[in-house]
C-alpha atoms as a PDB file:
ATOM      1  CA  UNK A   1       0.922  -2.030 -24.808  1.00  0.00           C
ATOM      2  CA  UNK A   2       1.835   1.251 -25.741  1.00  0.00           C
ATOM      3  CA  UNK A   3       0.237   4.108 -25.056  1.00  0.00           C
ATOM      4  CA  UNK A   4       1.391   7.691 -25.252  1.00  0.00           C
ATOM      5  CA  UNK A   5       1.625   9.926 -22.055  1.00  0.00           C
ATOM      6  CA  UNK A   6      -0.860  13.264 -22.417  1.00  0.00           C
ATOM      7  CA  UNK A   7      -0.048  15.847 -20.126  1.00  0.00           C
ATOM      8  CA  UNK A   8      -2.997  17.538 -18.301  1.00  0.00           C
ATOM      9  CA  UNK A   9      -4.223  20.312 -16.330  1.00  0.00           C
ATOM     10  CA  UNK A  10      -7.155  19.730 -14.379  1.00  0.00           C
ATOM     11  CA  UNK A  11      -8.828  21.952 -11.653  1.00  0.00           C
ATOM     12  CA  UNK A  12      -8.338  21.227  -7.929  1.00  0.00           C
ATOM     13  CA  UNK A  13      -9.345  22.875  -4.778  1.00  0.00           C
ATOM     14  CA  UNK A  14      -6.397  25.019  -4.270  1.00  0.00           C
ATOM     15  CA  UNK A  15      -5.664  25.725  -8.246  1.00  0.00           C
ATOM     16  CA  UNK A  16      -4.295  24.033 -11.226  1.00  0.00           C
ATOM     17  CA  UNK A  17      -3.138  20.081 -10.872  1.00  0.00           C
ATOM     18  CA  UNK A  18      -0.273  18.329 -13.582  1.00  0.00           C
ATOM     19  CA  UNK A  19      -1.206  15.065 -14.362  1.00  0.00           C
ATOM     20  CA  UNK A  20       0.534  12.860 -16.730  1.00  0.00           C
ATOM     21  CA  UNK A  21      -2.491  10.471 -18.158  1.00  0.00           C
ATOM     22  CA  UNK A  22      -1.898   7.349 -20.187  1.00  0.00           C
ATOM     23  CA  UNK A  23      -5.704   5.819 -21.659  1.00  0.00           C
ATOM     24  CA  UNK A  24      -5.650   2.663 -23.695  1.00  0.00           C
ATOM     25  CA  UNK A  25      -8.837   2.330 -25.512  1.00  0.00           C
ATOM     26  CA  UNK A  26     -11.787   0.943 -23.740  1.00  0.00           C
ATOM     27  CA  UNK A  27      -9.864   0.779 -20.184  1.00  0.00           C
ATOM     28  CA  UNK A  28     -10.766  -1.894 -17.307  1.00  0.00           C
ATOM     29  CA  UNK A  29     -10.198   0.611 -14.753  1.00  0.00           C
ATOM     30  CA  UNK A  30      -8.745   3.377 -13.647  1.00  0.00           C
ATOM     31  CA  UNK A  31      -5.621   3.665 -11.553  1.00  0.00           C
ATOM     32  CA  UNK A  32      -4.663   6.489  -9.405  1.00  0.00           C
ATOM     33  CA  UNK A  33      -0.884   6.460  -8.756  1.00  0.00           C
ATOM     34  CA  UNK A  34       0.486   8.637  -6.037  1.00  0.00           C
ATOM     35  CA  UNK A  35       4.282  10.330  -5.901  1.00  0.00           C
ATOM     36  CA  UNK A  36       6.893  10.195  -3.405  1.00  0.00           C
ATOM     37  CA  UNK A  37       7.707  13.442  -0.759  1.00  0.00           C
ATOM     38  CA  UNK A  38       7.915  16.633  -3.109  1.00  0.00           C
ATOM     39  CA  UNK A  39      10.197  17.753  -0.086  1.00  0.00           C
ATOM     40  CA  UNK A  40      12.547  14.858  -0.918  1.00  0.00           C
ATOM     41  CA  UNK A  41      12.399  16.025  -4.604  1.00  0.00           C
ATOM     42  CA  UNK A  42       8.988  13.674  -5.572  1.00  0.00           C
ATOM     43  CA  UNK A  43       7.210  14.137  -8.389  1.00  0.00           C
ATOM     44  CA  UNK A  44       4.978  12.000 -10.890  1.00  0.00           C
ATOM     45  CA  UNK A  45       7.926  11.356 -12.897  1.00  0.00           C
ATOM     46  CA  UNK A  46       9.387   9.551 -10.127  1.00  0.00           C
ATOM     47  CA  UNK A  47      10.970   5.669 -11.284  1.00  0.00           C
ATOM     48  CA  UNK A  48       8.581   4.279  -8.979  1.00  0.00           C
ATOM     49  CA  UNK A  49       5.132   6.353  -9.487  1.00  0.00           C
ATOM     50  CA  UNK A  50       6.175   5.495 -13.495  1.00  0.00           C
ATOM     51  CA  UNK A  51       6.659   1.392 -13.219  1.00  0.00           C
ATOM     52  CA  UNK A  52       3.357   1.554 -11.322  1.00  0.00           C
ATOM     53  CA  UNK A  53       1.512   3.611 -14.300  1.00  0.00           C
ATOM     54  CA  UNK A  54       3.091   1.384 -16.885  1.00  0.00           C
ATOM     55  CA  UNK A  55       2.313  -1.744 -14.820  1.00  0.00           C
ATOM     56  CA  UNK A  56      -1.543  -1.050 -14.402  1.00  0.00           C
ATOM     57  CA  UNK A  57      -1.854   0.326 -18.403  1.00  0.00           C
ATOM     58  CA  UNK A  58      -0.084  -3.031 -19.508  1.00  0.00           C
ATOM     59  CA  UNK A  59      -3.214  -4.556 -17.536  1.00  0.00           C
ATOM     60  CA  UNK A  60      -5.475  -2.257 -19.118  1.00  0.00           C
ATOM     61  CA  UNK A  61      -6.082   0.613 -16.813  1.00  0.00           C
ATOM     62  CA  UNK A  62      -5.810   4.135 -17.626  1.00  0.00           C
ATOM     63  CA  UNK A  63      -3.156   5.595 -15.557  1.00  0.00           C
ATOM     64  CA  UNK A  64      -3.198   9.153 -14.080  1.00  0.00           C
ATOM     65  CA  UNK A  65      -0.314  10.653 -11.977  1.00  0.00           C
ATOM     66  CA  UNK A  66      -0.529  13.997 -10.658  1.00  0.00           C
ATOM     67  CA  UNK A  67       1.773  16.227  -8.822  1.00  0.00           C
ATOM     68  CA  UNK A  68       1.557  16.834  -5.896  1.00  0.00           C
ATOM     69  CA  UNK A  69       0.884  20.539  -4.751  1.00  0.00           C
ATOM     70  CA  UNK A  70       3.883  23.003  -5.676  1.00  0.00           C
ATOM     71  CA  UNK A  71       5.665  20.144  -7.951  1.00  0.00           C
ATOM     72  CA  UNK A  72       5.468  20.843 -11.538  1.00  0.00           C
ATOM     73  CA  UNK A  73       2.511  23.392 -12.604  1.00  0.00           C
ATOM     74  CA  UNK A  74       0.676  22.068  -9.809  1.00  0.00           C
ATOM     75  CA  UNK A  75      -0.489  24.922  -7.454  1.00  0.00           C
ATOM     76  CA  UNK A  76      -0.480  25.398  -3.964  1.00  0.00           C
ATOM     77  CA  UNK A  77       2.345  24.493  -1.124  1.00  0.00           C
ATOM     78  CA  UNK A  78       2.438  21.349   1.011  1.00  0.00           C
ATOM     79  CA  UNK A  79      -0.127  20.324   2.930  1.00  0.00           C
ATOM     80  CA  UNK A  80       1.319  17.067   4.727  1.00  0.00           C
ATOM     81  CA  UNK A  81      -1.176  14.875   3.019  1.00  0.00           C
ATOM     82  CA  UNK A  82      -4.484  16.703   3.834  1.00  0.00           C
ATOM     83  CA  UNK A  83      -4.470  18.986   0.660  1.00  0.00           C
ATOM     84  CA  UNK A  84      -2.933  16.135  -1.232  1.00  0.00           C
ATOM     85  CA  UNK A  85      -5.784  13.861  -0.382  1.00  0.00           C
ATOM     86  CA  UNK A  86      -8.423  16.501  -1.714  1.00  0.00           C
ATOM     87  CA  UNK A  87      -5.872  16.387  -4.971  1.00  0.00           C
ATOM     88  CA  UNK A  88      -5.983  13.141  -5.483  1.00  0.00           C
ATOM     89  CA  UNK A  89     -10.220  12.886  -5.533  1.00  0.00           C
ATOM     90  CA  UNK A  90     -10.463  15.920  -7.553  1.00  0.00           C
ATOM     91  CA  UNK A  91      -7.756  13.835 -10.023  1.00  0.00           C
ATOM     92  CA  UNK A  92     -10.115  11.207  -9.608  1.00  0.00           C
ATOM     93  CA  UNK A  93     -12.922  12.822 -10.048  1.00  0.00           C
ATOM     94  CA  UNK A  94     -11.886  14.157 -13.348  1.00  0.00           C
ATOM     95  CA  UNK A  95     -10.299  11.029 -14.784  1.00  0.00           C
ATOM     96  CA  UNK A  96     -14.194   9.296 -14.067  1.00  0.00           C
ATOM     97  CA  UNK A  97     -15.541  12.174 -16.462  1.00  0.00           C
ATOM     98  CA  UNK A  98     -12.951  11.134 -19.266  1.00  0.00           C
ATOM     99  CA  UNK A  99     -12.919   7.050 -18.659  1.00  0.00           C
ATOM    100  CA  UNK A 100     -16.316   6.400 -17.027  1.00  0.00           C
ATOM    101  CA  UNK A 101     -17.598   4.619 -13.547  1.00  0.00           C
ATOM    102  CA  UNK A 102     -14.998   1.840 -14.105  1.00  0.00           C
ATOM    103  CA  UNK A 103     -13.182  -0.116 -11.603  1.00  0.00           C
ATOM    104  CA  UNK A 104     -10.735   2.430  -9.159  1.00  0.00           C
ATOM    105  CA  UNK A 105      -6.998   0.999  -8.220  1.00  0.00           C
ATOM    106  CA  UNK A 106      -4.880   3.288  -5.849  1.00  0.00           C
ATOM    107  CA  UNK A 107      -1.080   2.903  -5.927  1.00  0.00           C
ATOM    108  CA  UNK A 108       0.926   5.027  -4.134  1.00  0.00           C
ATOM    109  CA  UNK A 109       4.895   4.924  -3.346  1.00  0.00           C
ATOM    110  CA  UNK A 110       6.524   6.232   0.155  1.00  0.00           C
ATOM    111  CA  UNK A 111       4.729   9.518   1.363  1.00  0.00           C
ATOM    112  CA  UNK A 112       2.190   8.608  -1.696  1.00  0.00           C
ATOM    113  CA  UNK A 113       0.939   5.549  -0.484  1.00  0.00           C
ATOM    114  CA  UNK A 114       0.295   7.202   3.344  1.00  0.00           C
ATOM    115  CA  UNK A 115      -2.024   9.844   0.940  1.00  0.00           C
ATOM    116  CA  UNK A 116      -3.584   6.905  -0.982  1.00  0.00           C
ATOM    117  CA  UNK A 117      -4.532   4.974   2.627  1.00  0.00           C
ATOM    118  CA  UNK A 118      -6.280   8.379   3.198  1.00  0.00           C
ATOM    119  CA  UNK A 119      -7.804   8.149  -0.692  1.00  0.00           C
ATOM    120  CA  UNK A 120      -9.417   4.759   0.491  1.00  0.00           C
ATOM    121  CA  UNK A 121     -10.957   5.878   3.586  1.00  0.00           C
ATOM    122  CA  UNK A 122     -12.498   8.385   1.672  1.00  0.00           C
ATOM    123  CA  UNK A 123     -13.835   6.561  -0.828  1.00  0.00           C
ATOM    124  CA  UNK A 124     -15.054   3.480   1.763  1.00  0.00           C
ATOM    125  CA  UNK A 125     -17.074   6.287   3.829  1.00  0.00           C
ATOM    126  CA  UNK A 126     -18.405   7.371   0.582  1.00  0.00           C
ATOM    127  CA  UNK A 127     -19.801   4.154  -0.277  1.00  0.00           C
ATOM    128  CA  UNK A 128     -17.622   4.062  -3.677  1.00  0.00           C
ATOM    129  CA  UNK A 129     -14.494   1.858  -2.165  1.00  0.00           C
ATOM    130  CA  UNK A 130     -11.402   1.319  -4.409  1.00  0.00           C
ATOM    131  CA  UNK A 131     -11.024  -1.986  -6.297  1.00  0.00           C
ATOM    132  CA  UNK A 132      -7.790  -2.521  -4.871  1.00  0.00           C
ATOM    133  CA  UNK A 133      -4.590  -0.733  -3.238  1.00  0.00           C
ATOM    134  CA  UNK A 134      -1.279  -1.210  -4.337  1.00  0.00           C
ATOM    135  CA  UNK A 135       1.212   0.027  -1.532  1.00  0.00           C
ATOM    136  CA  UNK A 136       5.311   0.579  -2.227  1.00  0.00           C
ATOM    137  CA  UNK A 137       7.636   1.805  -0.165  1.00  0.00           C
ATOM    138  CA  UNK A 138       4.672   2.826   2.504  1.00  0.00           C
ATOM    139  CA  UNK A 139       5.222   6.258   5.080  1.00  0.00           C
ATOM    140  CA  UNK A 140       4.395   4.308   8.366  1.00  0.00           C
ATOM    141  CA  UNK A 141       5.238   5.482  12.015  1.00  0.00           C
ATOM    142  CA  UNK A 142       8.160   8.232  12.618  1.00  0.00           C
ATOM    143  CA  UNK A 143      10.241   8.571   9.230  1.00  0.00           C
ATOM    144  CA  UNK A 144      13.499  10.540  10.581  1.00  0.00           C
ATOM    145  CA  UNK A 145      13.235  13.968   8.995  1.00  0.00           C
ATOM    146  CA  UNK A 146      10.062  13.974   8.338  1.00  0.00           C
ATOM    147  CA  UNK A 147       7.478  13.278  10.697  1.00  0.00           C
ATOM    148  CA  UNK A 148       4.854  10.763  12.192  1.00  0.00           C
ATOM    149  CA  UNK A 149       2.890   9.207   9.376  1.00  0.00           C
ATOM    150  CA  UNK A 150      -0.353   7.888  11.135  1.00  0.00           C
ATOM    151  CA  UNK A 151      -1.173   5.595   8.424  1.00  0.00           C
ATOM    152  CA  UNK A 152      -5.252   4.090   7.543  1.00  0.00           C
ATOM    153  CA  UNK A 153      -6.147   0.499   8.129  1.00  0.00           C
ATOM    154  CA  UNK A 154      -6.736  -0.712   4.608  1.00  0.00           C
ATOM    155  CA  UNK A 155      -8.585  -3.829   3.263  1.00  0.00           C
ATOM    156  CA  UNK A 156      -7.037  -7.173   3.517  1.00  0.00           C
ATOM    157  CA  UNK A 157      -6.094  -7.815  -0.145  1.00  0.00           C
ATOM    158  CA  UNK A 158      -4.165  -4.504  -0.361  1.00  0.00           C
ATOM    159  CA  UNK A 159      -0.664  -5.485  -2.389  1.00  0.00           C
ATOM    160  CA  UNK A 160       1.982  -4.054   0.015  1.00  0.00           C
ATOM    161  CA  UNK A 161       5.738  -4.602  -0.880  1.00  0.00           C
ATOM    162  CA  UNK A 162       8.718  -2.926   1.107  1.00  0.00           C
ATOM    163  CA  UNK A 163      12.201  -3.565   0.488  1.00  0.00           C
ATOM    164  CA  UNK A 164      13.826  -5.352   3.045  1.00  0.00           C
ATOM    165  CA  UNK A 165      16.994  -2.610   3.041  1.00  0.00           C
ATOM    166  CA  UNK A 166      14.750   0.403   2.943  1.00  0.00           C
ATOM    167  CA  UNK A 167      16.597   3.329   4.996  1.00  0.00           C
ATOM    168  CA  UNK A 168      13.775   6.044   4.748  1.00  0.00           C
ATOM    169  CA  UNK A 169      10.409   4.360   5.791  1.00  0.00           C
ATOM    170  CA  UNK A 170      12.312   0.528   8.314  1.00  0.00           C
ATOM    171  CA  UNK A 171      10.381  -2.646   7.455  1.00  0.00           C
ATOM    172  CA  UNK A 172       9.732  -2.472  11.249  1.00  0.00           C
ATOM    173  CA  UNK A 173       7.893   0.816  10.753  1.00  0.00           C
ATOM    174  CA  UNK A 174       5.699  -1.188   8.050  1.00  0.00           C
ATOM    175  CA  UNK A 175       5.510  -4.106  10.099  1.00  0.00           C
ATOM    176  CA  UNK A 176       4.206  -2.334  12.989  1.00  0.00           C
ATOM    177  CA  UNK A 177       1.682  -0.871  10.712  1.00  0.00           C
ATOM    178  CA  UNK A 178       0.371  -4.016   9.253  1.00  0.00           C
ATOM    179  CA  UNK A 179       0.338  -6.623  12.456  1.00  0.00           C
ATOM    180  CA  UNK A 180      -2.662  -5.297  13.932  1.00  0.00           C
ATOM    181  CA  UNK A 181      -4.450  -5.257  10.313  1.00  0.00           C
ATOM    182  CA  UNK A 182      -3.638  -8.913   9.743  1.00  0.00           C
ATOM    183  CA  UNK A 183      -2.188  -7.478   6.433  1.00  0.00           C
ATOM    184  CA  UNK A 184       0.751  -9.457   4.885  1.00  0.00           C
ATOM    185  CA  UNK A 185       3.587  -7.569   3.242  1.00  0.00           C
ATOM    186  CA  UNK A 186       5.634  -9.037   0.360  1.00  0.00           C
ATOM    187  CA  UNK A 187       9.325  -7.992   1.310  1.00  0.00           C
ATOM    188  CA  UNK A 188      11.451  -7.758  -1.378  1.00  0.00           C
ATOM    189  CA  UNK A 189      15.258  -9.101  -0.155  1.00  0.00           C
ATOM    190  CA  UNK A 190      18.120  -6.254  -0.597  1.00  0.00           C
ATOM    191  CA  UNK A 191      15.833  -3.625  -1.933  1.00  0.00           C
ATOM    192  CA  UNK A 192      16.123   0.205  -0.582  1.00  0.00           C
ATOM    193  CA  UNK A 193      13.278   2.626  -0.627  1.00  0.00           C
ATOM    194  CA  UNK A 194      13.605   3.622  -4.437  1.00  0.00           C
ATOM    195  CA  UNK A 195      13.513  -0.188  -5.540  1.00  0.00           C
ATOM    196  CA  UNK A 196      17.028   0.370  -7.593  1.00  0.00           C
ATOM    197  CA  UNK A 197      17.484  -2.457  -9.917  1.00  0.00           C
ATOM    198  CA  UNK A 198      14.485  -4.226  -8.551  1.00  0.00           C
ATOM    199  CA  UNK A 199      11.475  -2.010 -10.270  1.00  0.00           C
ATOM    200  CA  UNK A 200      10.908  -5.111 -12.007  1.00  0.00           C
ATOM    201  CA  UNK A 201      10.115  -6.587  -8.813  1.00  0.00           C
ATOM    202  CA  UNK A 202       7.286  -4.420  -8.120  1.00  0.00           C
ATOM    203  CA  UNK A 203       5.535  -5.176 -11.648  1.00  0.00           C
ATOM    204  CA  UNK A 204       5.888  -8.713 -11.562  1.00  0.00           C
ATOM    205  CA  UNK A 205       4.379  -8.495  -7.621  1.00  0.00           C
ATOM    206  CA  UNK A 206       1.279  -6.336  -9.000  1.00  0.00           C
ATOM    207  CA  UNK A 207       1.130  -8.468 -12.012  1.00  0.00           C
ATOM    208  CA  UNK A 208       0.617 -11.924 -10.174  1.00  0.00           C
ATOM    209  CA  UNK A 209      -1.402 -11.228  -8.003  1.00  0.00           C
ATOM    210  CA  UNK A 210      -3.812  -9.062  -9.332  1.00  0.00           C
ATOM    211  CA  UNK A 211      -7.570 -10.754  -9.726  1.00  0.00           C
ATOM    212  CA  UNK A 212      -8.387 -10.900 -13.932  1.00  0.00           C
END
């Protein structure tokens, strides 16, 4: 499905938020995509974030990829996931105004996955839970040169994808988070944190697992 990318600037809690939107005609849902850590060069053009967006567009969703604070044309400064969560919720409200009140999927990579667990909790508390989550290379536990991530609990049908050779977020960190939640983790053998040469696995895992 060929859907053009549109650049948006929307109003957020501390200024403008730059968003890439890919909106098919009559979308079946909204997919909100969160990119990896800005301090490590993360942006909405990241290959994993792009793969997530294209996967959802192929399934008929409108995909929205914001840049976090301090990245691209997004205003504000990095806020360790707190302000970023607020910004993701602001982008979601804007997406609903554009697309209607349709199901919402949350997807994130690394720091973005951590943020999406917080967004999911906020939506649940507000009585508007997300349809489903997809978390790739989820930041959980102590991540070297970064910080301790207290990743939120997520629903049992969350799709958690991690590389066996991830050196940024060790697989053991994700297991330690997922085990108490009785949450399955899909492990891609040989994949590093950025899924070099294995991005197609992300697409295939999501497409197979999605409820049609």
